[in-house]
Amino acid sequence: MHRRVLLLYRIAVLAAALCPGVHGLAAAYDVSPESPAESANLAVTTPDREANVAALCTRAFANHDAGPVNFEESTTTFRSSAVPVLQRIVALANACRNAAIAVTGHTDSSGDERWNVQLSLARAEAIAAYLVEQGIAPERLIANGAGSSSPVADNTTRYGRGLNRRIEFAFIPGEGDTPKAQRPPPDSPD
């Protein structure tokens, strides 16, 4: 029964990731990993509950937009506005436990590009370390540094440079987070 509660919690977290308006779904149904099995008042009616979670994970990966994780200039210190974004990443990673997470750091175009690549990698590693502190297994994380090669804003303005000092996330579904092939029903005897 406890496994069912955990599965329901994972589905609620994924639903919240897919539909931001239902972020209180888990709380509304009092479903949490710590809740006793009796408190879960939800029913999953699909024959293969794990496939249902896998389909939600795949959809959540495709629709995921965590928001910006920005940094102070020339540092690996992320801004406090990044914490809610990182908590959403943690929630999605916990719901889709088989997925890997690619963390790619970016910089503005100030300075030498070799330094920018090193700094962007250090930023990605700082975020990966934060995710590990939050309980994500380190072997699920891939840190990359892109330097200033992919700006999202104009590097000639202070505002644009601030937007370019960022982290991007890519989820790589794991074996259990991809839907299983649909099997045809067995032939019925005539």
Protein backbone atom coordinates (compact mmCIF):
# COMPACT_ATOMS: atom_id res chain seq x y z
CA MET A 1 0.00 0.00 0.00
CA HIS A 2 2.89 2.38 0.75
CA ARG A 3 4.15 1.91 -2.84
CA ARG A 4 0.72 3.03 -4.08
CA VAL A 5 0.96 6.21 -2.01
CA LEU A 6 4.40 6.96 -3.45
CA LEU A 7 3.09 6.36 -6.97
CA LEU A 8 0.15 8.69 -6.36
CA TYR A 9 2.52 11.31 -5.00
CA ARG A 10 4.72 11.03 -8.11
CA ILE A 11 1.64 11.46 -10.33
CA ALA A 12 0.54 14.52 -8.33
CA VAL A 13 4.00 16.10 -8.66
CA LEU A 14 4.03 15.42 -12.40
CA ALA A 15 0.54 16.86 -12.76
CA ALA A 16 1.73 19.99 -10.97
CA ALA A 17 4.73 20.20 -13.33
CA LEU A 18 2.48 19.87 -16.37
CA CYS A 19 -0.29 22.15 -15.12
CA PRO A 20 1.04 24.99 -12.94
CA GLY A 21 -2.50 25.83 -11.85
CA VAL A 22 -2.78 22.57 -9.92
CA HIS A 23 0.39 22.99 -7.87
CA GLY A 24 -1.60 22.31 -4.71
CA LEU A 25 -2.87 18.94 -5.92
CA ALA A 26 -0.70 16.84 -3.59
CA ALA A 27 -1.53 19.04 -0.61
CA ALA A 28 -5.25 19.10 -1.47
CA TYR A 29 -5.40 15.33 -1.35
CA ASP A 30 -2.96 15.06 1.56
CA VAL A 31 -0.76 12.75 -0.47
CA SER A 32 2.88 12.81 0.47
CA PRO A 33 5.62 10.22 0.78
CA GLU A 34 5.25 10.45 4.57
CA SER A 35 1.45 10.08 4.61
CA PRO A 36 0.05 6.81 5.88
CA ALA A 37 -1.44 4.71 3.12
CA GLU A 38 -4.94 5.21 4.53
CA SER A 39 -4.81 8.97 3.93
CA ALA A 40 -4.45 8.57 0.17
CA ASN A 41 -7.95 8.96 -1.14
CA LEU A 42 -7.11 8.76 -4.84
CA ALA A 43 -7.54 5.90 -7.25
CA VAL A 44 -5.46 5.21 -10.31
CA THR A 45 -7.52 3.14 -12.68
CA THR A 46 -4.98 2.42 -15.40
CA PRO A 47 -3.97 -1.23 -15.66
CA ASP A 48 -0.27 -0.37 -15.72
CA ARG A 49 0.35 2.39 -13.18
CA GLU A 50 4.09 2.56 -13.91
CA ALA A 51 3.36 3.14 -17.61
CA ASN A 52 1.05 5.98 -16.56
CA VAL A 53 3.91 7.61 -14.61
CA ALA A 54 6.26 6.97 -17.53
CA ALA A 55 3.90 8.72 -19.92
CA LEU A 56 3.58 11.68 -17.54
CA CYS A 57 7.38 11.87 -17.20
CA THR A 58 7.83 11.90 -20.96
CA ARG A 59 5.21 14.64 -21.32
CA ALA A 60 6.67 16.63 -18.43
CA PHE A 61 10.14 16.49 -20.02
CA ALA A 62 8.76 17.71 -23.34
CA ASN A 63 6.84 20.61 -21.74
CA HIS A 64 9.32 21.55 -19.03
CA ASP A 65 10.34 25.19 -18.68
CA ALA A 66 11.81 25.67 -15.23
CA GLY A 67 12.50 29.37 -15.54
CA PRO A 68 15.74 31.31 -15.25
CA VAL A 69 18.66 30.43 -13.01
CA ASN A 70 20.88 33.50 -13.19
CA PHE A 71 24.23 34.33 -11.59
CA GLU A 72 26.12 37.29 -10.26
CA GLU A 73 28.83 38.54 -12.60
CA SER A 74 32.02 36.39 -12.72
CA THR A 75 30.87 34.10 -9.89
CA THR A 76 29.30 30.70 -9.32
CA THR A 77 26.80 32.25 -6.88
CA PHE A 78 23.26 31.92 -8.18
CA ARG A 79 20.67 34.54 -7.36
CA SER A 80 18.07 33.87 -4.68
CA SER A 81 15.38 34.00 -7.36
CA ALA A 82 16.76 30.67 -8.58
CA VAL A 83 15.73 28.69 -5.49
CA PRO A 84 12.05 28.16 -6.50
CA VAL A 85 13.21 27.18 -9.99
CA LEU A 86 15.65 24.66 -8.55
CA GLN A 87 12.97 23.27 -6.23
CA ARG A 88 10.76 22.60 -9.28
CA ILE A 89 13.67 20.76 -10.87
CA VAL A 90 14.10 18.69 -7.69
CA ALA A 91 10.38 17.86 -7.61
CA LEU A 92 10.36 16.74 -11.24
CA ALA A 93 13.59 14.76 -10.76
CA ASN A 94 12.12 13.04 -7.70
CA ALA A 95 8.94 12.18 -9.59
CA CYS A 96 10.89 10.78 -12.55
CA ARG A 97 13.57 8.93 -10.63
CA ASN A 98 15.13 7.18 -13.63
CA ALA A 99 15.84 10.35 -15.59
CA ALA A 100 19.23 11.96 -15.99
CA ILE A 101 19.51 15.73 -15.85
CA ALA A 102 21.89 17.68 -18.07
CA VAL A 103 22.85 20.99 -16.46
CA THR A 104 24.42 23.44 -18.92
CA GLY A 105 26.03 26.67 -17.76
CA HIS A 106 26.22 29.80 -19.92
CA THR A 107 28.05 33.12 -19.55
CA ASP A 108 27.88 36.56 -21.08
CA SER A 109 30.54 37.52 -23.64
CA SER A 110 32.68 39.54 -21.22
CA GLY A 111 36.25 38.31 -21.01
CA ASP A 112 38.20 35.51 -22.64
CA GLU A 113 36.15 32.62 -24.06
CA ARG A 114 38.37 29.99 -22.39
CA TRP A 115 37.60 31.61 -19.03
CA ASN A 116 33.90 31.76 -19.95
CA VAL A 117 33.83 28.03 -20.71
CA GLN A 118 35.51 27.28 -17.36
CA LEU A 119 33.14 29.62 -15.51
CA SER A 120 30.06 28.17 -17.21
CA LEU A 121 31.17 24.65 -16.27
CA ALA A 122 31.81 25.77 -12.67
CA ARG A 123 28.29 27.25 -12.58
CA ALA A 124 26.78 24.02 -13.87
CA GLU A 125 28.76 22.10 -11.24
CA ALA A 126 27.54 24.50 -8.52
CA ILE A 127 23.93 23.83 -9.53
CA ALA A 128 24.61 20.09 -9.69
CA ALA A 129 26.07 20.26 -6.17
CA TYR A 130 22.93 22.05 -4.97
CA LEU A 131 20.75 19.35 -6.55
CA VAL A 132 22.84 16.66 -4.82
CA GLU A 133 22.33 18.49 -1.50
CA GLN A 134 18.60 18.31 -2.21
CA GLY A 135 18.78 14.51 -2.58
CA ILE A 136 19.32 13.97 -6.31
CA ALA A 137 21.83 11.16 -6.93
CA PRO A 138 25.07 12.54 -8.44
CA GLU A 139 25.17 9.82 -11.10
CA ARG A 140 21.95 11.27 -12.56
CA LEU A 141 23.58 14.66 -13.23
CA ILE A 142 25.63 15.74 -16.25
CA ALA A 143 27.33 19.16 -15.99
CA ASN A 144 28.33 21.03 -19.17
CA GLY A 145 29.89 24.44 -19.82
CA ALA A 146 28.92 26.28 -23.01
CA GLY A 147 30.70 29.58 -22.37
CA SER A 148 29.18 32.51 -24.24
CA SER A 149 28.37 30.51 -27.38
CA SER A 150 24.56 30.60 -27.01
CA PRO A 151 23.35 34.02 -25.88
CA VAL A 152 19.65 34.58 -25.30
CA ALA A 153 19.97 38.36 -25.07
CA ASP A 154 22.11 41.24 -26.30
CA ASN A 155 25.55 41.22 -24.67
CA THR A 156 25.99 44.98 -25.24
CA THR A 157 23.61 45.86 -22.39
CA ARG A 158 23.94 45.14 -18.68
CA TYR A 159 20.46 43.62 -18.67
CA GLY A 160 21.26 41.34 -21.60
CA ARG A 161 24.52 40.17 -20.06
CA GLY A 162 22.61 39.33 -16.86
CA LEU A 163 20.18 37.16 -18.82
CA ASN A 164 23.04 35.37 -20.56
CA ARG A 165 24.60 34.30 -17.23
CA ARG A 166 22.27 31.36 -16.79
CA ILE A 167 21.73 27.60 -16.46
CA GLU A 168 19.62 25.46 -18.75
CA PHE A 169 18.27 22.02 -17.90
CA ALA A 170 17.57 19.06 -20.16
CA PHE A 171 15.92 15.93 -18.88
CA ILE A 172 16.97 12.63 -20.38
CA PRO A 173 14.27 10.04 -19.68
CA GLY A 174 15.50 6.82 -18.14
CA GLU A 175 14.32 3.32 -18.90
CA GLY A 176 11.45 3.48 -16.40
CA ASP A 177 10.46 7.01 -17.46
CA THR A 178 9.55 6.18 -21.04
CA PRO A 179 6.23 4.62 -21.93
CA LYS A 180 6.30 0.91 -22.61
CA ALA A 181 5.21 -0.27 -26.03
CA GLN A 182 1.54 -1.03 -26.13
CA ARG A 183 0.97 -4.75 -26.35
CA PRO A 184 -2.03 -5.96 -28.32
CA PRO A 185 -4.60 -7.77 -26.21
CA PRO A 186 -4.35 -11.55 -26.36
CA ASP A 187 -6.57 -13.17 -28.95
CA SER A 188 -9.81 -14.34 -27.49
CA PRO A 189 -10.93 -17.85 -28.30
CA ASP A 190 -13.72 -18.01 -30.87
